[in-house]
Protein backbone atom coordinates (compact mmCIF):
# COMPACT_ATOMS: atom_id res chain seq x y z
CA UNK A 1 -0.27 -0.17 -0.09
CA UNK A 2 1.00 3.32 -0.86
CA UNK A 3 1.66 6.34 1.55
CA UNK A 4 -1.34 7.94 0.41
CA UNK A 5 -3.27 4.87 0.54
CA UNK A 6 -2.22 3.98 3.89
CA UNK A 7 -3.80 7.75 4.95
CA UNK A 8 -7.00 7.38 3.17
CA UNK A 9 -8.20 3.63 3.09
CA UNK A 10 -10.89 4.75 0.55
CA UNK A 11 -8.08 4.77 -1.97
CA UNK A 12 -7.81 2.03 -4.80
CA UNK A 13 -4.42 1.18 -5.82
CA UNK A 14 -4.23 1.25 -10.23
CA UNK A 15 -0.94 0.02 -12.47
CA UNK A 16 -0.53 3.57 -11.90
CA UNK A 17 -1.03 4.87 -8.64
CA UNK A 18 -4.10 5.29 -6.16
CA UNK A 19 -7.43 6.25 -7.55
CA UNK A 20 -10.27 8.02 -5.82
CA UNK A 21 -14.12 6.63 -6.39
CA UNK A 22 -16.41 8.93 -6.27
CA UNK A 23 -20.03 8.07 -6.06
CA UNK A 24 -23.57 9.79 -5.91
CA UNK A 25 -27.00 7.95 -5.25
CA UNK A 26 -30.68 7.86 -6.85
CA UNK A 27 -32.87 6.24 -4.25
CA UNK A 28 -36.14 5.53 -5.23
CA UNK A 29 -38.52 4.99 -2.62
CA UNK A 30 -41.97 3.61 -2.78
CA UNK A 31 -44.64 6.22 -0.82
CA UNK A 32 -46.11 4.20 1.74
CA UNK A 33 -50.02 5.30 0.35
CA UNK A 34 -53.03 2.89 -0.43
CA UNK A 35 -53.61 4.66 -3.57
CA UNK A 36 -51.26 6.02 -6.17
CA UNK A 37 -49.75 9.15 -7.10
CA UNK A 38 -52.45 10.84 -9.34
CA UNK A 39 -55.33 8.02 -9.37
CA UNK A 40 -57.27 6.03 -6.61
CA UNK A 41 -56.05 2.62 -8.04
CA UNK A 42 -54.35 0.40 -4.95
CA UNK A 43 -50.42 0.14 -4.56
CA UNK A 44 -50.89 -3.60 -3.10
CA UNK A 45 -48.44 -6.14 -4.04
CA UNK A 46 -48.52 -9.00 -6.03
CA UNK A 47 -52.03 -8.90 -7.61
CA UNK A 48 -52.27 -10.63 -10.65
CA UNK A 49 -51.31 -8.48 -13.97
CA UNK A 50 -52.86 -5.26 -14.93
CA UNK A 51 -55.48 -5.72 -11.71
CA UNK A 52 -54.47 -2.64 -10.20
CA UNK A 53 -54.65 -0.26 -13.42
CA UNK A 54 -57.33 2.96 -13.59
CA UNK A 55 -58.20 4.53 -16.96
CA UNK A 56 -55.76 7.28 -15.54
CA UNK A 57 -52.86 4.71 -15.06
CA UNK A 58 -53.39 3.46 -18.43
CA UNK A 59 -53.26 6.86 -20.00
CA UNK A 60 -56.72 6.63 -21.81
CA UNK A 61 -57.95 9.63 -23.69
CA UNK A 62 -58.99 12.58 -22.06
CA UNK A 63 -58.14 11.07 -18.21
CA UNK A 64 -56.42 13.84 -16.11
CA UNK A 65 -54.14 12.96 -12.85
CA UNK A 66 -55.46 14.23 -9.20
CA UNK A 67 -52.51 14.66 -6.55
CA UNK A 68 -53.01 11.88 -3.36
CA UNK A 69 -53.16 14.30 -0.80
CA UNK A 70 -51.42 11.68 1.10
CA UNK A 71 -48.16 11.42 -0.96
CA UNK A 72 -47.50 14.93 -0.44
CA UNK A 73 -47.82 14.69 2.80
CA UNK A 74 -45.63 11.86 3.37
CA UNK A 75 -43.08 13.45 0.86
CA UNK A 76 -43.05 16.51 3.31
CA UNK A 77 -42.36 14.20 6.16
CA UNK A 78 -39.53 12.58 4.62
CA UNK A 79 -37.91 15.92 3.68
CA UNK A 80 -38.40 17.05 7.25
CA UNK A 81 -36.84 13.87 8.90
CA UNK A 82 -33.94 14.36 6.41
CA UNK A 83 -33.13 17.68 7.60
CA UNK A 84 -34.07 19.49 4.33
CA UNK A 85 -36.02 22.24 3.07
CA UNK A 86 -39.33 21.93 2.35
CA UNK A 87 -40.72 24.17 -0.82
CA UNK A 88 -43.72 25.78 -0.28
CA UNK A 89 -44.29 26.02 -4.00
CA UNK A 90 -43.09 23.14 -6.48
CA UNK A 91 -44.37 22.03 -10.28
CA UNK A 92 -45.00 18.59 -11.60
CA UNK A 93 -43.54 18.09 -15.09
CA UNK A 94 -43.92 16.01 -18.09
CA UNK A 95 -40.66 13.74 -19.03
CA UNK A 96 -40.55 12.72 -22.29
CA UNK A 97 -39.09 8.73 -23.35
CA UNK A 98 -41.02 6.52 -25.08
CA UNK A 99 -41.33 2.47 -23.52
CA UNK A 100 -43.57 -0.16 -23.83
CA UNK A 101 -44.83 0.01 -20.04
CA UNK A 102 -44.99 4.22 -19.71
CA UNK A 103 -48.02 4.33 -21.93
CA UNK A 104 -48.33 8.57 -21.82
CA UNK A 105 -45.24 8.78 -23.46
CA UNK A 106 -44.14 10.38 -20.44
CA UNK A 107 -43.89 10.23 -16.82
CA UNK A 108 -44.55 13.16 -14.48
CA UNK A 109 -42.12 13.98 -12.18
CA UNK A 110 -40.38 16.80 -10.91
CA UNK A 111 -37.59 18.54 -12.40
CA UNK A 112 -36.43 22.44 -11.38
CA UNK A 113 -38.73 23.05 -8.82
CA UNK A 114 -39.21 20.03 -6.56
CA UNK A 115 -41.18 19.53 -3.09
CA UNK A 116 -37.76 18.94 -1.06
CA UNK A 117 -34.58 20.93 -1.59
CA UNK A 118 -31.23 20.37 0.36
CA UNK A 119 -30.69 18.02 3.50
CA UNK A 120 -28.10 15.93 5.32
CA UNK A 121 -27.81 12.61 6.63
CA UNK A 122 -25.10 10.84 9.17
CA UNK A 123 -23.88 7.76 8.34
CA UNK A 124 -20.99 5.84 10.79
CA UNK A 125 -18.09 3.98 9.14
CA UNK A 126 -15.79 2.47 11.72
CA UNK A 127 -16.72 4.55 14.25
CA UNK A 128 -16.06 7.59 12.12
CA UNK A 129 -19.37 10.33 11.37
CA UNK A 130 -19.57 11.21 7.92
CA UNK A 131 -22.15 13.81 6.71
CA UNK A 132 -23.53 13.04 3.21
CA UNK A 133 -25.64 15.63 1.56
CA UNK A 134 -28.86 15.51 0.01
CA UNK A 135 -29.22 17.58 -3.44
CA UNK A 136 -33.20 16.98 -3.75
CA UNK A 137 -36.20 14.98 -3.32
CA UNK A 138 -38.78 14.85 -5.86
CA UNK A 139 -42.04 12.99 -6.42
CA UNK A 140 -42.69 11.02 -9.58
CA UNK A 141 -44.97 8.25 -10.95
CA UNK A 142 -43.39 4.98 -11.60
CA UNK A 143 -43.43 3.13 -14.71
CA UNK A 144 -45.03 -0.26 -15.80
CA UNK A 145 -43.13 -3.57 -15.55
CA UNK A 146 -41.77 -5.37 -19.03
CA UNK A 147 -41.85 -9.24 -18.63
CA UNK A 148 -39.48 -10.65 -21.74
CA UNK A 149 -39.15 -14.24 -20.12
CA UNK A 150 -42.59 -16.01 -20.39
CA UNK A 151 -42.45 -16.46 -23.83
CA UNK A 152 -39.64 -16.19 -26.82
CA UNK A 153 -41.50 -14.61 -29.20
CA UNK A 154 -43.30 -11.76 -26.96
CA UNK A 155 -42.69 -9.51 -24.09
CA UNK A 156 -45.69 -8.85 -21.58
CA UNK A 157 -46.65 -5.36 -19.94
CA UNK A 158 -48.10 -5.47 -16.33
CA UNK A 159 -49.09 -2.32 -15.51
CA UNK A 160 -49.84 -2.34 -11.72
CA UNK A 161 -46.93 -0.30 -10.61
CA UNK A 162 -47.66 2.62 -13.65
CA UNK A 163 -48.39 5.22 -11.30
CA UNK A 164 -47.15 4.36 -8.06
CA UNK A 165 -46.00 7.26 -6.38
CA UNK A 166 -42.01 7.15 -5.76
CA UNK A 167 -39.64 9.70 -3.84
CA UNK A 168 -36.45 9.76 -5.93
CA UNK A 169 -34.04 10.78 -3.32
CA UNK A 170 -30.84 12.05 -4.96
CA UNK A 171 -27.26 12.66 -2.58
CA UNK A 172 -24.51 14.98 -3.60
CA UNK A 173 -21.01 12.78 -4.76
CA UNK A 174 -20.20 12.65 -1.05
CA UNK A 175 -19.19 9.00 -1.15
CA UNK A 176 -16.22 7.61 -1.33
CA UNK A 177 -16.14 3.30 -0.87
CA UNK A 178 -18.56 0.57 -1.63
CA UNK A 179 -18.76 0.49 2.23
CA UNK A 180 -20.15 4.25 2.36
CA UNK A 181 -22.73 3.44 -0.12
CA UNK A 182 -24.18 0.58 1.49
CA UNK A 183 -24.28 2.52 4.44
CA UNK A 184 -25.51 5.48 3.22
CA UNK A 185 -28.62 3.50 2.06
CA UNK A 186 -28.36 1.24 4.73
CA UNK A 187 -29.52 4.74 6.97
CA UNK A 188 -31.96 5.98 4.39
CA UNK A 189 -34.00 3.54 4.67
CA UNK A 190 -33.41 3.54 8.50
CA UNK A 191 -35.11 6.62 8.38
CA UNK A 192 -37.84 6.31 6.08
CA UNK A 193 -39.22 2.98 7.76
CA UNK A 194 -38.59 5.47 11.30
CA UNK A 195 -40.92 7.96 9.68
CA UNK A 196 -43.47 5.52 8.10
CA UNK A 197 -42.95 6.75 4.55
CA UNK A 198 -41.92 3.80 3.27
CA UNK A 199 -41.09 0.02 4.22
CA UNK A 200 -37.76 0.18 2.32
CA UNK A 201 -38.48 -3.52 1.30
CA UNK A 202 -35.89 -3.94 -1.63
CA UNK A 203 -37.28 -7.66 -2.54
CA UNK A 204 -40.42 -5.96 -3.53
CA UNK A 205 -38.61 -3.32 -5.39
CA UNK A 206 -40.11 -0.83 -3.01
CA UNK A 207 -36.40 0.67 -2.84
CA UNK A 208 -34.32 0.48 -5.10
CA UNK A 209 -30.89 2.58 -5.93
CA UNK A 210 -29.45 3.96 -9.44
CA UNK A 211 -25.82 3.95 -8.22
CA UNK A 212 -23.61 6.99 -10.50
CA UNK A 213 -19.50 6.11 -10.10
CA UNK A 214 -17.02 7.46 -11.83
CA UNK A 215 -12.88 7.66 -10.69
CA UNK A 216 -10.29 10.38 -10.65
CA UNK A 217 -6.66 10.82 -9.09
CA UNK A 218 -7.15 12.06 -5.63
CA UNK A 219 -7.84 15.88 -6.30
CA UNK A 220 -8.36 15.68 -9.73
CA UNK A 221 -11.69 16.74 -11.33
CA UNK A 222 -14.35 14.96 -11.68
CA UNK A 223 -14.46 11.77 -13.69
CA UNK A 224 -16.51 10.56 -16.18
CA UNK A 225 -19.77 8.70 -14.41
CA UNK A 226 -21.98 5.75 -15.37
CA UNK A 227 -25.23 4.92 -13.55
CA UNK A 228 -25.91 1.01 -12.52
CA UNK A 229 -29.37 0.91 -12.57
CA UNK A 230 -32.24 -0.39 -10.17
CA UNK A 231 -29.64 -1.93 -7.89
CA UNK A 232 -31.83 -3.52 -5.26
CA UNK A 233 -29.97 -5.06 -2.49
CA UNK A 234 -27.44 -3.38 0.04
CA UNK A 235 -25.47 -6.13 -0.87
CA UNK A 236 -25.68 -5.67 -4.56
CA UNK A 237 -24.69 -1.93 -4.12
CA UNK A 238 -21.45 -2.63 -2.52
CA UNK A 239 -20.53 -5.69 -5.16
CA UNK A 240 -21.70 -2.98 -8.27
CA UNK A 241 -19.45 -0.16 -6.97
CA UNK A 242 -16.41 -2.02 -6.61
CA UNK A 243 -16.90 -3.98 -10.16
CA UNK A 244 -17.40 -0.53 -11.80
CA UNK A 245 -14.87 1.59 -10.25
CA UNK A 246 -12.22 -1.68 -11.48
CA UNK A 247 -13.96 -1.63 -14.85
CA UNK A 248 -13.45 1.97 -14.94
CA UNK A 249 -9.67 2.26 -13.61
CA UNK A 250 -8.33 -0.89 -16.02
CA UNK A 251 -10.10 1.19 -19.25
CA UNK A 252 -8.10 4.45 -18.22
CA UNK A 253 -4.99 2.60 -17.20
CA UNK A 254 -5.05 1.23 -21.16
CA UNK A 255 -5.46 4.40 -22.61
CA UNK A 256 -9.28 4.31 -22.75
CA UNK A 257 -11.55 6.49 -21.87
CA UNK A 258 -14.91 6.57 -19.88
CA UNK A 259 -18.27 6.78 -22.14
CA UNK A 260 -21.26 8.23 -19.92
CA UNK A 261 -23.83 5.31 -20.45
CA UNK A 262 -26.72 3.46 -18.02
CA UNK A 263 -25.28 0.30 -17.12
CA UNK A 264 -26.76 -2.56 -15.77
CA UNK A 265 -25.42 -4.95 -12.67
CA UNK A 266 -25.33 -9.20 -12.90
CA UNK A 267 -24.44 -10.46 -9.58
CA UNK A 268 -24.44 -13.88 -10.82
CA UNK A 269 -21.82 -12.82 -13.09
CA UNK A 270 -20.20 -10.11 -10.96
CA UNK A 271 -20.09 -7.62 -13.79
CA UNK A 272 -21.39 -4.61 -15.10
CA UNK A 273 -23.01 -4.09 -18.89
CA UNK A 274 -23.73 -1.46 -20.83
CA UNK A 275 -27.40 -0.71 -21.21
CA UNK A 276 -27.81 2.64 -23.39
CA UNK A 277 -25.62 5.86 -23.72
CA UNK A 278 -26.61 8.24 -20.25
CA UNK A 279 -29.25 10.92 -21.11
CA UNK A 280 -29.11 14.44 -20.07
CA UNK A 281 -32.24 16.49 -19.12
CA UNK A 282 -32.32 18.03 -22.63
CA UNK A 283 -32.84 14.63 -24.01
CA UNK A 284 -35.99 14.47 -22.18
CA UNK A 285 -37.82 17.77 -22.99
CA UNK A 286 -38.89 18.64 -19.56
CA UNK A 287 -41.95 20.91 -19.41
CA UNK A 288 -44.56 21.53 -16.90
CA UNK A 289 -47.64 19.26 -16.82
CA UNK A 290 -49.95 21.25 -18.28
CA UNK A 291 -52.96 19.11 -16.42
CA UNK A 292 -51.61 20.03 -12.78
CA UNK A 293 -51.52 23.43 -11.21
CA UNK A 294 -48.01 24.22 -9.37
CA UNK A 295 -48.61 22.83 -5.54
CA UNK A 296 -48.71 25.11 -3.17
CA UNK A 297 -48.32 23.61 0.70
CA UNK A 298 -50.41 25.24 3.57
CA UNK A 299 -47.60 26.23 6.21
CA UNK A 300 -50.00 24.94 8.76
CA UNK A 301 -50.30 21.53 7.66
CA UNK A 302 -45.92 21.69 7.01
CA UNK A 303 -45.63 22.61 10.80
CA UNK A 304 -48.21 20.09 11.85
CA UNK A 305 -46.31 17.40 10.17
CA UNK A 306 -43.06 18.47 11.75
CA UNK A 307 -44.97 18.24 14.94
CA UNK A 308 -45.48 15.07 14.20
CA UNK A 309 -41.95 13.52 13.21
CA UNK A 310 -41.06 10.41 15.55
CA UNK A 311 -38.14 10.20 17.24
CA UNK A 312 -35.29 9.27 14.66
CA UNK A 313 -32.89 7.26 15.36
CA UNK A 314 -29.74 9.34 15.52
CA UNK A 315 -31.94 11.11 18.44
CA UNK A 316 -32.82 7.53 19.96
CA UNK A 317 -28.69 6.00 19.98
CA UNK A 318 -28.03 9.29 21.52
CA UNK A 319 -30.86 8.68 24.12
CA UNK A 320 -30.11 5.38 24.65
CA UNK A 321 -26.41 6.20 25.15
CA UNK A 322 -27.39 8.37 27.75
CA UNK A 323 -29.95 7.13 29.84
CA UNK A 324 -29.10 3.08 29.51
CA UNK A 325 -25.48 3.76 29.95
CA UNK A 326 -25.17 2.10 26.41
CA UNK A 327 -21.95 1.86 24.43
CA UNK A 328 -22.23 3.43 21.30
CA UNK A 329 -21.75 0.06 19.19
CA UNK A 330 -25.29 -1.53 21.28
CA UNK A 331 -26.86 1.84 21.06
CA UNK A 332 -26.51 1.61 16.85
CA UNK A 333 -27.40 -2.25 16.62
CA UNK A 334 -30.06 -1.46 18.79
CA UNK A 335 -31.55 1.35 16.92
CA UNK A 336 -31.25 0.47 13.42
CA UNK A 337 -34.70 -1.10 13.28
CA UNK A 338 -37.26 0.92 15.19
CA UNK A 339 -39.29 -2.27 16.29
CA UNK A 340 -36.10 -3.57 17.62
CA UNK A 341 -35.58 -0.34 19.68
CA UNK A 342 -38.68 -0.37 21.00
CA UNK A 343 -38.69 -4.33 21.63
CA UNK A 344 -35.50 -3.24 24.02
CA UNK A 345 -37.04 -0.32 25.68
CA UNK A 346 -40.09 -2.26 26.89
CA UNK A 347 -37.24 -5.17 28.34
CA UNK A 348 -35.43 -2.42 29.70
CA UNK A 349 -38.54 -0.55 31.77
CA UNK A 350 -37.05 -0.49 34.93
CA UNK A 351 -33.95 -2.60 34.31
CA UNK A 352 -30.27 -2.28 34.33
CA UNK A 353 -29.79 -1.09 30.74
CA UNK A 354 -26.64 -2.30 30.22
CA UNK A 355 -27.50 -6.51 31.02
CA UNK A 356 -30.97 -5.55 29.05
CA UNK A 357 -29.27 -4.74 25.85
CA UNK A 358 -26.47 -7.76 26.16
CA UNK A 359 -29.79 -10.07 26.25
CA UNK A 360 -31.96 -8.52 23.85
CA UNK A 361 -28.54 -8.39 21.63
CA UNK A 362 -26.43 -11.46 22.50
CA UNK A 363 -29.04 -13.67 23.42
CA UNK A 364 -32.33 -12.54 21.33
CA UNK A 365 -30.75 -11.22 17.75
CA UNK A 366 -28.34 -14.12 17.68
CA UNK A 367 -31.04 -16.73 18.00
CA UNK A 368 -33.45 -14.88 15.66
CA UNK A 369 -30.32 -14.67 12.63
CA UNK A 370 -29.61 -18.42 13.54
CA UNK A 371 -33.46 -19.15 12.84
CA UNK A 372 -34.35 -16.52 10.12
CA UNK A 373 -36.45 -14.85 12.05
CA UNK A 374 -37.25 -11.22 12.74
CA UNK A 375 -38.36 -9.20 15.81
CA UNK A 376 -42.13 -9.44 15.49
CA UNK A 377 -42.11 -13.35 15.05
CA UNK A 378 -39.99 -13.73 18.05
CA UNK A 379 -41.24 -16.57 20.57
CA UNK A 380 -39.76 -14.73 23.16
CA UNK A 381 -41.81 -11.67 23.90
CA UNK A 382 -40.04 -8.33 25.78
CA UNK A 383 -42.32 -9.10 28.18
CA UNK A 384 -41.08 -12.24 28.63
CA UNK A 385 -37.67 -11.25 28.22
CA UNK A 386 -38.09 -8.55 30.61
CA UNK A 387 -39.09 -11.28 33.05
CA UNK A 388 -35.75 -13.21 32.78
CA UNK A 389 -33.41 -10.00 33.34
CA UNK A 390 -35.70 -8.98 36.00
CA UNK A 391 -34.75 -12.60 37.73
CA UNK A 392 -30.93 -12.04 37.11
CA UNK A 393 -31.44 -8.06 38.56
CA UNK A 394 -32.88 -9.03 41.76
CA UNK A 395 -30.91 -12.44 42.42
CA UNK A 396 -33.04 -15.07 41.71
CA UNK A 397 -31.31 -16.49 39.25
CA UNK A 398 -27.72 -16.84 37.98
CA UNK A 399 -26.81 -16.03 33.96
CA UNK A 400 -26.06 -19.99 33.76
CA UNK A 401 -29.59 -20.94 34.80
CA UNK A 402 -31.20 -17.46 32.63
CA UNK A 403 -29.73 -19.14 29.47
CA UNK A 404 -31.42 -22.51 30.62
CA UNK A 405 -34.52 -20.23 31.33
CA UNK A 406 -34.43 -18.28 28.20
CA UNK A 407 -34.34 -21.86 25.93
CA UNK A 408 -37.36 -22.80 27.98
CA UNK A 409 -39.32 -20.45 27.25
CA UNK A 410 -38.38 -19.94 23.43
CA UNK A 411 -39.33 -23.66 22.54
CA UNK A 412 -42.48 -23.65 24.99
CA UNK A 413 -43.62 -20.24 26.13
CA UNK A 414 -44.86 -19.64 29.73
CA UNK A 415 -44.17 -16.98 32.44
CA UNK A 416 -40.38 -17.05 33.61
CA UNK A 417 -40.83 -16.61 37.52
CA UNK A 418 -43.34 -19.34 37.20
CA UNK A 419 -41.56 -21.47 35.58
CA UNK A 420 -38.40 -21.06 37.77
CA UNK A 421 -40.51 -21.30 40.53
CA UNK A 422 -42.19 -24.65 39.36
CA UNK A 423 -38.81 -26.25 38.30
CA UNK A 424 -36.90 -25.37 41.06
CA UNK A 425 -34.39 -23.19 39.34
CA UNK A 426 -33.57 -20.52 41.69
CA UNK A 427 -30.48 -19.44 42.55
CA UNK A 428 -28.82 -20.85 45.89
CA UNK A 429 -28.34 -18.97 48.27
CA UNK A 430 -27.88 -20.31 51.49
CA UNK A 431 -24.08 -20.12 52.05
CA UNK A 432 -24.26 -22.98 54.52
CA UNK A 433 -25.09 -25.41 52.08
CA UNK A 434 -22.19 -24.16 49.22
CA UNK A 435 -19.76 -23.85 51.74
CA UNK A 436 -20.06 -27.94 52.89
CA UNK A 437 -19.53 -28.20 49.15
CA UNK A 438 -16.92 -26.00 49.04
CA UNK A 439 -15.10 -27.81 51.53
CA UNK A 440 -15.33 -31.35 50.50
CA UNK A 441 -13.81 -30.01 47.18
CA UNK A 442 -10.76 -28.63 48.92
CA UNK A 443 -10.24 -31.67 51.07
CA UNK A 444 -10.70 -33.98 47.89
CA UNK A 445 -8.07 -31.99 46.27
CA UNK A 446 -4.95 -31.21 48.07
CA UNK A 447 -2.91 -30.82 45.05
CA UNK A 448 -5.01 -28.62 43.13
CA UNK A 449 -5.15 -26.52 46.27
CA UNK A 450 -1.56 -25.91 46.50
CA UNK A 451 -1.44 -25.13 42.59
CA UNK A 452 -4.19 -22.26 42.71
CA UNK A 453 -1.73 -20.61 45.61
CA UNK A 454 0.74 -20.56 42.99
CA UNK A 455 -1.22 -19.66 40.58
CA UNK A 456 -4.26 -18.06 41.07
CA UNK A 457 -5.77 -17.84 37.85
CA UNK A 458 -6.64 -22.17 38.75
CA UNK A 459 -9.70 -20.40 41.30
CA UNK A 460 -11.90 -21.21 38.08
CA UNK A 461 -11.43 -25.19 38.56
CA UNK A 462 -12.70 -24.71 41.61
CA UNK A 463 -15.88 -22.72 40.56
CA UNK A 464 -16.29 -25.24 38.27
CA UNK A 465 -16.68 -28.26 40.51
CA UNK A 466 -18.65 -26.05 42.68
CA UNK A 467 -21.11 -25.11 40.36
CA UNK A 468 -21.53 -28.42 39.17
CA UNK A 469 -22.42 -29.83 43.16
CA UNK A 470 -25.04 -26.81 43.31
CA UNK A 471 -26.58 -27.97 39.88
CA UNK A 472 -25.37 -24.76 38.39
CA UNK A 473 -27.47 -22.84 41.09
CA UNK A 474 -24.61 -21.19 43.82
CA UNK A 475 -24.32 -17.52 43.32
CA UNK A 476 -21.21 -16.75 41.02
CA UNK A 477 -19.88 -14.07 42.93
CA UNK A 478 -20.62 -15.81 46.23
CA UNK A 479 -19.02 -18.68 45.23
CA UNK A 480 -16.08 -16.73 43.76
CA UNK A 481 -15.44 -14.86 47.60
CA UNK A 482 -16.05 -17.79 49.79
CA UNK A 483 -13.34 -20.29 47.46
CA UNK A 484 -10.87 -17.00 47.59
CA UNK A 485 -11.06 -16.70 51.73
CA UNK A 486 -10.92 -20.42 51.95
CA UNK A 487 -7.61 -21.10 49.92
CA UNK A 488 -6.61 -17.83 51.32
CA UNK A 489 -5.79 -15.88 47.49
CA UNK A 490 -7.81 -12.93 48.75
């Protein structure tokens, strides 16, 4: 690694030295709304082809668009959640292009006067916070879907998505690595889910990203960018950035030049391939849609939406660190999904926050991941886990017993306190009984006693033996203290 690469780990090594990747993102987020942007058709996923299509969606002659107020409110809410400027007046434009799944021959979008202006979000990379600028958020209608693989001689068109409301969130070219691009989309999706303005389901196409990638020598002018279209997973975003950056570096170092174009990422082959030359704004012949008046927002409504904003991930993370004494890492894990954060707070109510966090992150999340479940399908409720944590906190059970109890609750259900009582799982606090067991172990192992005096770390052997004698029910701290006293290694 060169000295410059050592200072900046984002630099990529090429045959002619180090290169810097420059990335900008255009994230298309489907608005959480039961109806489309300009019609009353359903947005429900998975319906039979062309069953959620109104005359407006199909561009029948004489049909006029009518703005869905809920979509406007959701866009404003998103803009406020991104610390962005809300434009009190915005304009819908026609973006003209011809494609089979675009029945109007144009897409209703926003160009020069979008509903949301500049904002920003913060991402965390290896413990370092970086601010990524948001250039704009504009509303637009989605196109339909072309289906090419059902018949060798025909293509089919499904217009169920036609007219569905999208928020296109455009970042500034502030991202410098695949890792940063992934962190940005992950954080953006988290914010949208907290706000309830998009479900972020990439498997259904409800959140997808156009990734703009260029390379340059550090400090040089921006290079020619290529747009990788419709990347639909966080993992693929990272792979696409790395593959495309390497492709561009190899071309330039071989004496070639980068053509500005739109490309697709093929994850099975690990490559990007050309779709078409990249269009500029003038290619679309934007002009204000004559069927839609300029959109003017009511300041009182914007203020009402702002007042209704939930606690967002960064605010919640800071509060978890302050109120529960959590590490920055644990707090970040817990706030990554709103449902997870709510679950944790239900467990931690009146309990030790650090203990609650350890059980939620290590035991619960670990088991959920292992079994492919999410928090909504957890066999252990927040109330049950709170019960387990409470029993640890008041000394009723030890950590080891707690793990056995968690397994019982996971597989059989039930109230943790009742299970402990019924199955005799309480921690042994009768020091007289524990002392007898300790005395017997010491008497039976004089050689070990001599060894532990020379090597105190061997105390663990005695602890293990005593725990075995008590069936794992001895209080670990009391047992340690007693052994140290008996063996004279205080």
